[in-house]
Amino acid sequence: MAISSTEAVRSTPNPKAASENDHRIDVFWHDGMLKHETGRGVFDTGLDPGFLDVLDKHPENSDRVRNMVSILKRGPISPFVFWHQGRPAFISELLSFHTQEYINELVEADKTDENQIICPGTFLNPGSWAAALLAAGTTLSAMKHILDGHAKITYALVRPPGHHAQPSRADGYCFLNNAGLAVQLALDYGLNKVAAIDIDVHYGNGTAEGFYSSSKVLTISLHMNHGSWGPSHPQNGNVDELGEGEGFGYNLNIPLPNGSGDRGYMRAMDEIVVPAVEKFEPNVIVFVVGQDSSAFDPNGRQCLTMEGYRKIGQIVRKMGDKYCDGRILIVQEGGYHVTYTAYCLHATLEGVLNFTHPLLSDPIAYYPEDDAFTTAVVESIKKHERENVPFLK
């Protein structure tokens, strides 16, 4: 069932009453993003081998986002959610992060009525470019809402995702780097320190690439240890990709072993992310979330449950309150289990909104954990950073 923009948007309450509500979150959304069609095939390939009766929907399909919208509208968190209409980005806004040549390529590609493979797994179909513009503009609106002082915590509920899109190329289902555009907007507003914390199961390589030479942006990515996946994704996401020039040491990668689970992620957050943010002292946090790190996601193997997402959200909220007056922009990325993704999103936002007890129980949570290997990996990463990252010494 499609969720219309009129259904998804409700009026903002009295500002005075809202300011007294510690649990408020302003969500930016536009149902035009549902019109990005990614097709069917063998998982994300678009391939029909001819001998299967039932093909997969591409993992990045609109159903996953419909459930995110509906759980925020009708789940226990709904009284604390205040909806805002998203809008398309202007081409001029895209050029703050992307090259003119790359944007021209996408504009030209959109002029055909053909389904196009931009890079492996990444399909540009009629409606895709309009959805990508909506995702970028909606994210910029969510950041601007914070920068203009209208809210402390906003959430850009967007698709197609963006964190793999580099300044000059598409990658990993992503055309425009929504989080990167928001980071740049904060810098353009005069902020001099922005932290981008990415917990999607894949390396936020596009965001890292965009700010690889900047000491004003601390990019931290916790991800599955997956390495490069080809020409569109040349970065490995390993601990040696630390930035360059003035940005050396301001790109921190935390590649975690498969199956790290809740306890492994907590250790990485507590022992690597929190100390780095404490040293950096950002003016705003961009929290880049993907629920493809969950225990049941078809695109990841990290075994996080709702409780893990809730705790990560709590840690980010605590850092936001301590270092940047509570200013946190949350940007949606992956998450491909159609139902459990919505539950994990709900838990993430519960954590960011600082609820002391879960509002929603986990229907399928149990997953055995052994974090011994992850503990050893985290210790190794900490040692590497202490030896190689100047601002952490």
Protein backbone atom coordinates (compact mmCIF):
# COMPACT_ATOMS: atom_id res chain seq x y z
CA MET A 1 0.00 0.00 0.00
CA ALA A 2 1.47 3.34 -1.03
CA ILE A 3 1.66 6.01 1.63
CA SER A 4 0.72 9.38 0.20
CA SER A 5 2.43 12.60 1.18
CA THR A 6 -0.79 13.83 2.77
CA GLU A 7 -0.97 10.70 4.92
CA ALA A 8 2.68 10.94 5.89
CA VAL A 9 2.73 14.60 6.91
CA ARG A 10 1.05 16.05 9.93
CA SER A 11 1.27 19.56 11.30
CA THR A 12 3.97 20.46 13.79
CA PRO A 13 2.65 21.07 17.33
CA ASN A 14 3.06 24.21 19.38
CA PRO A 15 6.83 25.00 19.38
CA LYS A 16 6.85 25.75 23.12
CA ALA A 17 5.32 22.39 23.93
CA ALA A 18 7.70 20.67 21.51
CA SER A 19 10.76 22.24 23.15
CA GLU A 20 9.72 20.72 26.46
CA ASN A 21 9.58 17.25 24.93
CA ASP A 22 12.96 15.53 25.22
CA HIS A 23 11.78 12.72 22.96
CA ARG A 24 10.82 14.74 19.87
CA ILE A 25 12.14 13.78 16.44
CA ASP A 26 11.40 15.67 13.21
CA VAL A 27 11.16 13.28 10.25
CA PHE A 28 11.58 14.46 6.66
CA TRP A 29 9.96 12.30 3.98
CA HIS A 30 8.42 12.43 0.51
CA ASP A 31 6.50 9.55 -1.06
CA GLY A 32 7.96 10.35 -4.49
CA MET A 33 10.99 8.35 -3.38
CA LEU A 34 8.87 5.20 -3.69
CA LYS A 35 8.90 5.62 -7.48
CA HIS A 36 12.49 4.43 -7.83
CA GLU A 37 11.98 0.93 -9.28
CA THR A 38 14.86 -1.51 -8.99
CA GLY A 39 13.32 -4.61 -10.59
CA ARG A 40 13.75 -8.32 -10.02
CA GLY A 41 16.46 -10.87 -10.60
CA VAL A 42 18.94 -13.05 -8.75
CA PHE A 43 19.36 -10.93 -5.60
CA ASP A 44 20.64 -7.52 -6.80
CA THR A 45 22.00 -8.50 -10.22
CA GLY A 46 18.84 -7.98 -12.29
CA LEU A 47 19.70 -11.34 -13.88
CA ASP A 48 16.96 -13.73 -14.97
CA PRO A 49 18.75 -17.05 -15.67
CA GLY A 50 15.63 -18.51 -17.22
CA PHE A 51 15.36 -21.55 -14.96
CA LEU A 52 13.84 -20.01 -11.81
CA ASP A 53 10.09 -19.59 -11.37
CA VAL A 54 10.44 -16.92 -8.65
CA LEU A 55 12.97 -14.09 -8.78
CA ASP A 56 14.00 -11.81 -5.92
CA LYS A 57 12.93 -8.25 -5.67
CA HIS A 58 16.06 -6.13 -5.73
CA PRO A 59 16.98 -5.69 -2.02
CA GLU A 60 16.75 -1.89 -2.30
CA ASN A 61 13.04 -1.85 -3.08
CA SER A 62 10.23 0.42 -1.95
CA ASP A 63 8.64 -2.15 0.39
CA ARG A 64 11.42 -1.72 2.95
CA VAL A 65 10.81 2.03 3.13
CA ARG A 66 7.02 1.68 3.20
CA ASN A 67 7.47 -0.33 6.39
CA MET A 68 9.79 2.29 7.86
CA VAL A 69 7.17 4.96 7.24
CA SER A 70 4.33 2.86 8.60
CA ILE A 71 6.11 1.80 11.79
CA LEU A 72 6.88 5.44 12.56
CA LYS A 73 3.26 6.39 11.84
CA ARG A 74 1.58 3.56 13.74
CA GLY A 75 4.20 2.07 16.05
CA PRO A 76 4.72 3.05 19.71
CA ILE A 77 7.12 5.83 18.76
CA SER A 78 4.53 7.64 16.63
CA PRO A 79 3.47 10.22 19.28
CA PHE A 80 7.03 11.54 19.31
CA VAL A 81 7.39 11.81 15.52
CA PHE A 82 6.65 15.10 13.72
CA TRP A 83 6.53 14.87 9.94
CA HIS A 84 7.82 17.32 7.34
CA GLN A 85 7.47 17.22 3.57
CA GLY A 86 10.70 16.61 1.68
CA ARG A 87 11.64 18.35 -1.56
CA PRO A 88 13.92 17.76 -4.56
CA ALA A 89 17.45 19.14 -4.53
CA PHE A 90 18.51 21.79 -7.01
CA ILE A 91 21.34 20.86 -9.37
CA SER A 92 23.36 23.75 -7.94
CA GLU A 93 23.11 22.16 -4.47
CA LEU A 94 24.49 18.86 -5.75
CA LEU A 95 27.66 20.57 -6.92
CA SER A 96 28.72 21.25 -3.34
CA PHE A 97 29.75 17.57 -3.18
CA HIS A 98 29.56 16.11 -6.71
CA THR A 99 31.39 17.13 -9.88
CA GLN A 100 29.56 18.87 -12.71
CA GLU A 101 30.63 16.14 -15.13
CA TYR A 102 29.11 13.38 -13.01
CA ILE A 103 25.82 15.24 -12.52
CA ASN A 104 25.66 15.89 -16.26
CA GLU A 105 26.05 12.15 -16.87
CA LEU A 106 23.10 11.36 -14.60
CA VAL A 107 20.94 14.06 -16.14
CA GLU A 108 21.67 12.72 -19.63
CA ALA A 109 21.05 9.13 -18.54
CA ASP A 110 17.67 10.13 -17.16
CA LYS A 111 16.56 11.45 -20.55
CA THR A 112 16.19 7.93 -21.95
CA ASP A 113 13.25 5.64 -21.18
CA GLU A 114 15.51 2.63 -20.87
CA ASN A 115 16.44 0.73 -17.75
CA GLN A 116 20.17 1.27 -17.22
CA ILE A 117 22.84 -0.39 -15.12
CA ILE A 118 24.98 2.48 -13.80
CA CYS A 119 27.30 0.09 -11.95
CA PRO A 120 26.82 -3.46 -10.59
CA GLY A 121 23.55 -3.70 -8.67
CA THR A 122 22.70 -0.04 -9.29
CA PHE A 123 19.85 0.57 -11.71
CA LEU A 124 18.64 3.89 -13.10
CA ASN A 125 15.08 3.49 -14.36
CA PRO A 126 12.39 6.04 -15.21
CA GLY A 127 11.60 7.72 -11.89
CA SER A 128 14.99 6.94 -10.32
CA TRP A 129 16.59 10.35 -10.93
CA ALA A 130 13.56 12.19 -9.54
CA ALA A 131 13.69 9.95 -6.45
CA ALA A 132 17.42 10.60 -6.04
CA LEU A 133 16.84 14.35 -6.21
CA LEU A 134 14.12 13.99 -3.56
CA ALA A 135 16.44 11.99 -1.32
CA ALA A 136 19.17 14.62 -1.58
CA GLY A 137 16.85 17.59 -1.11
CA THR A 138 14.98 15.97 1.75
CA THR A 139 18.26 15.32 3.57
CA LEU A 140 19.38 18.91 3.01
CA SER A 141 16.04 20.14 4.40
CA ALA A 142 16.51 17.97 7.49
CA MET A 143 19.98 19.41 8.09
CA LYS A 144 18.83 22.97 7.44
CA HIS A 145 16.05 22.49 10.01
CA ILE A 146 18.77 21.88 12.61
CA LEU A 147 21.09 24.64 11.41
CA ASP A 148 18.27 27.19 11.48
CA GLY A 149 17.53 26.27 15.09
CA HIS A 150 14.11 24.68 14.55
CA ALA A 151 15.03 21.27 16.01
CA LYS A 152 17.86 19.37 17.64
CA ILE A 153 17.21 15.91 16.16
CA THR A 154 16.01 15.27 12.63
CA TYR A 155 15.75 12.13 10.53
CA ALA A 156 15.97 12.04 6.73
CA LEU A 157 13.96 8.96 5.75
CA VAL A 158 15.27 8.66 2.21
CA ARG A 159 15.92 6.35 -0.73
CA PRO A 160 17.80 5.65 -2.90
CA PRO A 161 20.59 5.51 -0.34
CA GLY A 162 23.68 7.65 -0.75
CA HIS A 163 26.78 6.88 1.30
CA HIS A 164 28.58 4.93 -1.46
CA ALA A 165 28.15 7.70 -4.04
CA GLN A 166 31.49 9.41 -4.54
CA PRO A 167 31.97 12.91 -5.94
CA SER A 168 32.35 11.58 -9.48
CA ARG A 169 30.67 8.17 -9.59
CA ALA A 170 27.71 6.06 -8.47
CA ASP A 171 28.22 2.95 -6.37
CA GLY A 172 26.35 0.36 -4.33
CA TYR A 173 22.72 1.37 -5.09
CA CYS A 174 23.67 5.04 -4.55
CA PHE A 175 23.55 7.97 -7.00
CA LEU A 176 23.84 11.08 -4.79
CA ASN A 177 25.57 11.23 -1.44
CA ASN A 178 22.79 12.47 0.82
CA ALA A 179 24.87 12.47 4.01
CA GLY A 180 27.84 14.10 2.28
CA LEU A 181 25.66 16.90 0.95
CA ALA A 182 24.32 17.51 4.46
CA VAL A 183 27.82 17.58 5.94
CA GLN A 184 28.90 20.12 3.34
CA LEU A 185 25.82 22.26 4.06
CA ALA A 186 26.82 22.40 7.73
CA LEU A 187 30.32 23.52 6.72
CA ASP A 188 28.86 26.14 4.38
CA TYR A 189 26.80 27.45 7.30
CA GLY A 190 30.04 28.16 9.13
CA LEU A 191 30.38 25.10 11.34
CA ASN A 192 34.00 24.00 11.48
CA LYS A 193 33.69 20.47 12.86
CA VAL A 194 31.24 17.81 11.67
CA ALA A 195 31.34 14.15 12.69
CA ALA A 196 29.76 11.56 10.39
CA ILE A 197 29.25 8.22 12.13
CA ASP A 198 28.21 5.45 9.74
CA ILE A 199 26.88 2.10 11.03
CA ASP A 200 25.63 0.69 7.71
CA VAL A 201 27.04 -2.81 7.16
CA HIS A 202 29.12 -1.51 4.24
CA TYR A 203 31.92 1.04 4.28
CA GLY A 204 30.67 4.61 3.80
CA ASN A 205 33.30 5.04 1.12
CA GLY A 206 31.61 7.85 -0.78
CA THR A 207 31.32 10.10 2.26
CA ALA A 208 34.91 9.32 3.22
CA GLU A 209 36.11 10.08 -0.31
CA GLY A 210 34.35 13.45 -0.33
CA PHE A 211 36.13 14.66 2.82
CA TYR A 212 39.34 12.64 2.62
CA SER A 213 41.52 15.76 2.65
CA SER A 214 39.55 17.72 5.26
CA SER A 215 40.33 18.09 8.94
CA LYS A 216 36.90 19.66 9.47
CA VAL A 217 35.04 16.38 8.98
CA LEU A 218 35.62 13.29 11.08
CA THR A 219 34.26 10.30 9.15
CA ILE A 220 33.91 7.09 11.16
CA SER A 221 32.61 3.91 9.54
CA LEU A 222 31.81 0.68 11.37
CA HIS A 223 31.30 -1.99 8.74
CA MET A 224 31.64 -5.61 7.76
CA ASN A 225 35.17 -6.42 6.65
CA HIS A 226 34.25 -6.73 2.96
CA GLY A 227 37.08 -5.01 1.08
CA SER A 228 36.75 -3.57 -2.42
CA TRP A 229 34.04 -4.86 -4.75
CA GLY A 230 35.34 -3.53 -8.04
CA PRO A 231 35.86 -0.35 -10.10
CA SER A 232 32.86 1.46 -8.61
CA HIS A 233 34.09 0.76 -5.07
CA PRO A 234 37.92 0.88 -5.14
CA GLN A 235 38.25 1.63 -1.43
CA ASN A 236 38.83 -1.29 0.94
CA GLY A 237 37.56 0.26 4.15
CA ASN A 238 40.58 -0.97 6.05
CA VAL A 239 42.35 0.74 8.94
CA ASP A 240 45.06 2.18 6.68
CA GLU A 241 42.62 4.45 4.82
CA LEU A 242 43.13 7.34 7.24
CA GLY A 243 42.73 10.35 4.94
CA GLU A 244 45.37 12.46 3.25
CA GLY A 245 46.95 15.89 3.56
CA GLU A 246 45.17 18.00 6.17
CA GLY A 247 42.62 15.21 6.48
CA PHE A 248 45.12 12.58 7.56
CA GLY A 249 43.76 10.85 10.64
CA TYR A 250 40.22 12.17 10.21
CA ASN A 251 38.89 9.10 8.37
CA LEU A 252 38.60 6.22 10.81
CA ASN A 253 37.57 2.80 9.56
CA ILE A 254 36.43 0.04 11.89
CA PRO A 255 36.14 -3.12 9.79
CA LEU A 256 34.55 -5.70 12.08
CA PRO A 257 34.50 -9.48 11.70
CA ASN A 258 31.34 -11.11 10.40
CA GLY A 259 28.91 -11.84 13.22
CA SER A 260 30.29 -9.22 15.61
CA GLY A 261 26.85 -8.79 17.18
CA ASP A 262 25.57 -6.39 19.81
CA ARG A 263 28.45 -6.81 22.25
CA GLY A 264 31.09 -6.44 19.55
CA TYR A 265 29.52 -3.23 18.27
CA MET A 266 29.22 -1.85 21.81
CA ARG A 267 32.91 -2.46 22.35
CA ALA A 268 33.80 -0.69 19.09
CA MET A 269 31.54 2.25 19.93
CA ASP A 270 32.79 2.61 23.51
CA GLU A 271 36.49 2.06 22.85
CA ILE A 272 37.02 3.63 19.41
CA VAL A 273 34.14 5.89 18.37
CA VAL A 274 33.47 7.68 21.66
CA PRO A 275 37.15 8.56 22.37
CA ALA A 276 37.59 9.88 18.81
CA VAL A 277 34.48 12.07 19.02
CA GLU A 278 35.58 13.27 22.45
CA LYS A 279 38.91 14.44 20.99
CA PHE A 280 37.27 15.98 17.90
CA GLU A 281 34.40 17.80 19.66
CA PRO A 282 32.05 18.24 16.68
CA ASN A 283 29.49 21.02 16.24
CA VAL A 284 26.95 18.56 14.82
CA ILE A 285 26.74 14.79 14.32
CA VAL A 286 25.51 13.16 11.13
CA PHE A 287 24.43 9.67 12.15
CA VAL A 288 24.37 7.51 9.02
CA VAL A 289 22.20 4.48 9.75
CA GLY A 290 21.72 1.22 7.90
CA GLN A 291 19.85 -1.72 9.36
CA ASP A 292 21.68 -4.11 7.03
CA SER A 293 23.94 -4.88 10.00
CA SER A 294 21.05 -6.79 11.58
CA ALA A 295 20.98 -10.47 12.40
CA PHE A 296 18.57 -11.31 9.60
CA ASP A 297 19.58 -9.00 6.77
CA PRO A 298 20.23 -10.63 3.39
CA ASN A 299 22.99 -8.14 2.57
CA GLY A 300 25.06 -8.31 5.76
CA ARG A 301 26.34 -10.72 8.40
CA GLN A 302 26.83 -8.60 11.50
CA CYS A 303 24.07 -10.00 13.71
CA LEU A 304 22.91 -6.81 15.43
CA THR A 305 19.51 -7.05 17.12
CA MET A 306 17.08 -4.32 18.12
CA GLU A 307 18.86 -4.05 21.45
CA GLY A 308 22.18 -3.37 19.73
CA TYR A 309 20.67 -0.65 17.57
CA ARG A 310 18.95 0.87 20.59
CA LYS A 311 22.23 1.04 22.51
CA ILE A 312 24.12 2.53 19.56
CA GLY A 313 21.41 5.18 19.32
CA GLN A 314 21.80 5.93 23.04
CA ILE A 315 25.57 6.32 22.68
CA VAL A 316 25.16 8.73 19.74
CA ARG A 317 22.59 10.75 21.68
CA LYS A 318 24.92 11.00 24.66
CA MET A 319 27.75 12.25 22.43
CA GLY A 320 25.40 14.72 20.76
CA ASP A 321 24.28 16.14 24.09
CA LYS A 322 27.84 16.38 25.39
CA TYR A 323 29.63 17.88 22.39
CA CYS A 324 27.19 19.60 20.03
CA ASP A 325 24.20 20.83 22.02
CA GLY A 326 22.19 17.74 21.06
CA ARG A 327 22.29 18.45 17.30
CA ILE A 328 22.01 15.14 15.43
CA LEU A 329 20.94 14.53 11.84
CA ILE A 330 20.06 10.89 11.13
CA VAL A 331 20.29 9.79 7.48
CA GLN A 332 18.82 6.51 6.26
CA GLU A 333 20.97 4.15 4.21
CA GLY A 334 20.59 0.35 3.85
CA GLY A 335 18.48 -2.28 5.56
CA TYR A 336 16.92 -4.98 3.39
CA HIS A 337 14.95 -7.39 5.56
CA VAL A 338 11.51 -5.97 4.79
CA THR A 339 10.04 -6.34 8.29
CA TYR A 340 12.98 -6.56 10.69
CA THR A 341 14.58 -3.44 9.20
CA ALA A 342 11.57 -1.42 10.34
CA TYR A 343 11.81 -2.86 13.85
CA CYS A 344 15.54 -2.08 14.02
CA LEU A 345 14.91 1.47 12.79
CA HIS A 346 12.32 1.89 15.56
CA ALA A 347 14.89 0.67 18.10
CA THR A 348 17.59 3.01 16.73
CA LEU A 349 15.32 6.01 17.12
CA GLU A 350 14.24 4.87 20.60
CA GLY A 351 17.92 4.98 21.54
CA VAL A 352 18.53 8.40 20.01
CA LEU A 353 15.43 9.74 21.78
CA ASN A 354 16.83 8.46 25.08
CA PHE A 355 14.00 6.20 26.18
CA THR A 356 15.07 4.31 29.28
CA HIS A 357 13.02 1.23 28.37
CA PRO A 358 12.16 -0.30 24.99
CA LEU A 359 8.91 0.87 23.45
CA LEU A 360 8.77 -2.12 21.12
CA SER A 361 9.84 -5.67 21.89
CA ASP A 362 11.96 -7.71 19.50
CA PRO A 363 9.92 -10.49 17.83
CA ILE A 364 12.88 -12.51 16.55
CA ALA A 365 15.90 -11.33 18.49
CA TYR A 366 17.74 -14.32 19.86
CA TYR A 367 21.08 -14.81 18.20
CA PRO A 368 24.08 -16.50 19.88
CA GLU A 369 27.09 -14.24 20.26
CA ASP A 370 30.79 -14.84 20.71
CA ASP A 371 32.59 -11.51 20.71
CA ALA A 372 36.08 -12.85 21.48
CA PHE A 373 37.33 -12.35 17.91
CA THR A 374 35.76 -8.91 17.66
CA THR A 375 37.39 -7.93 20.96
CA ALA A 376 40.80 -8.82 19.56
CA VAL A 377 40.09 -6.89 16.34
CA VAL A 378 38.95 -3.79 18.26
CA GLU A 379 42.14 -3.89 20.35
CA SER A 380 44.19 -4.13 17.17
CA ILE A 381 42.39 -1.16 15.58
CA LYS A 382 42.84 0.91 18.76
CA LYS A 383 46.58 0.17 18.74
CA HIS A 384 46.85 1.11 15.05
CA GLU A 385 45.07 4.41 15.62
CA ARG A 386 47.13 5.31 18.69
CA GLU A 387 50.27 4.80 16.64
CA ASN A 388 49.15 6.50 13.43
CA VAL A 389 46.47 9.13 14.09
CA PRO A 390 47.99 12.43 15.30
CA PHE A 391 44.88 13.96 16.88
CA LEU A 392 44.25 10.83 18.96
CA LYS A 393 47.72 10.77 20.51
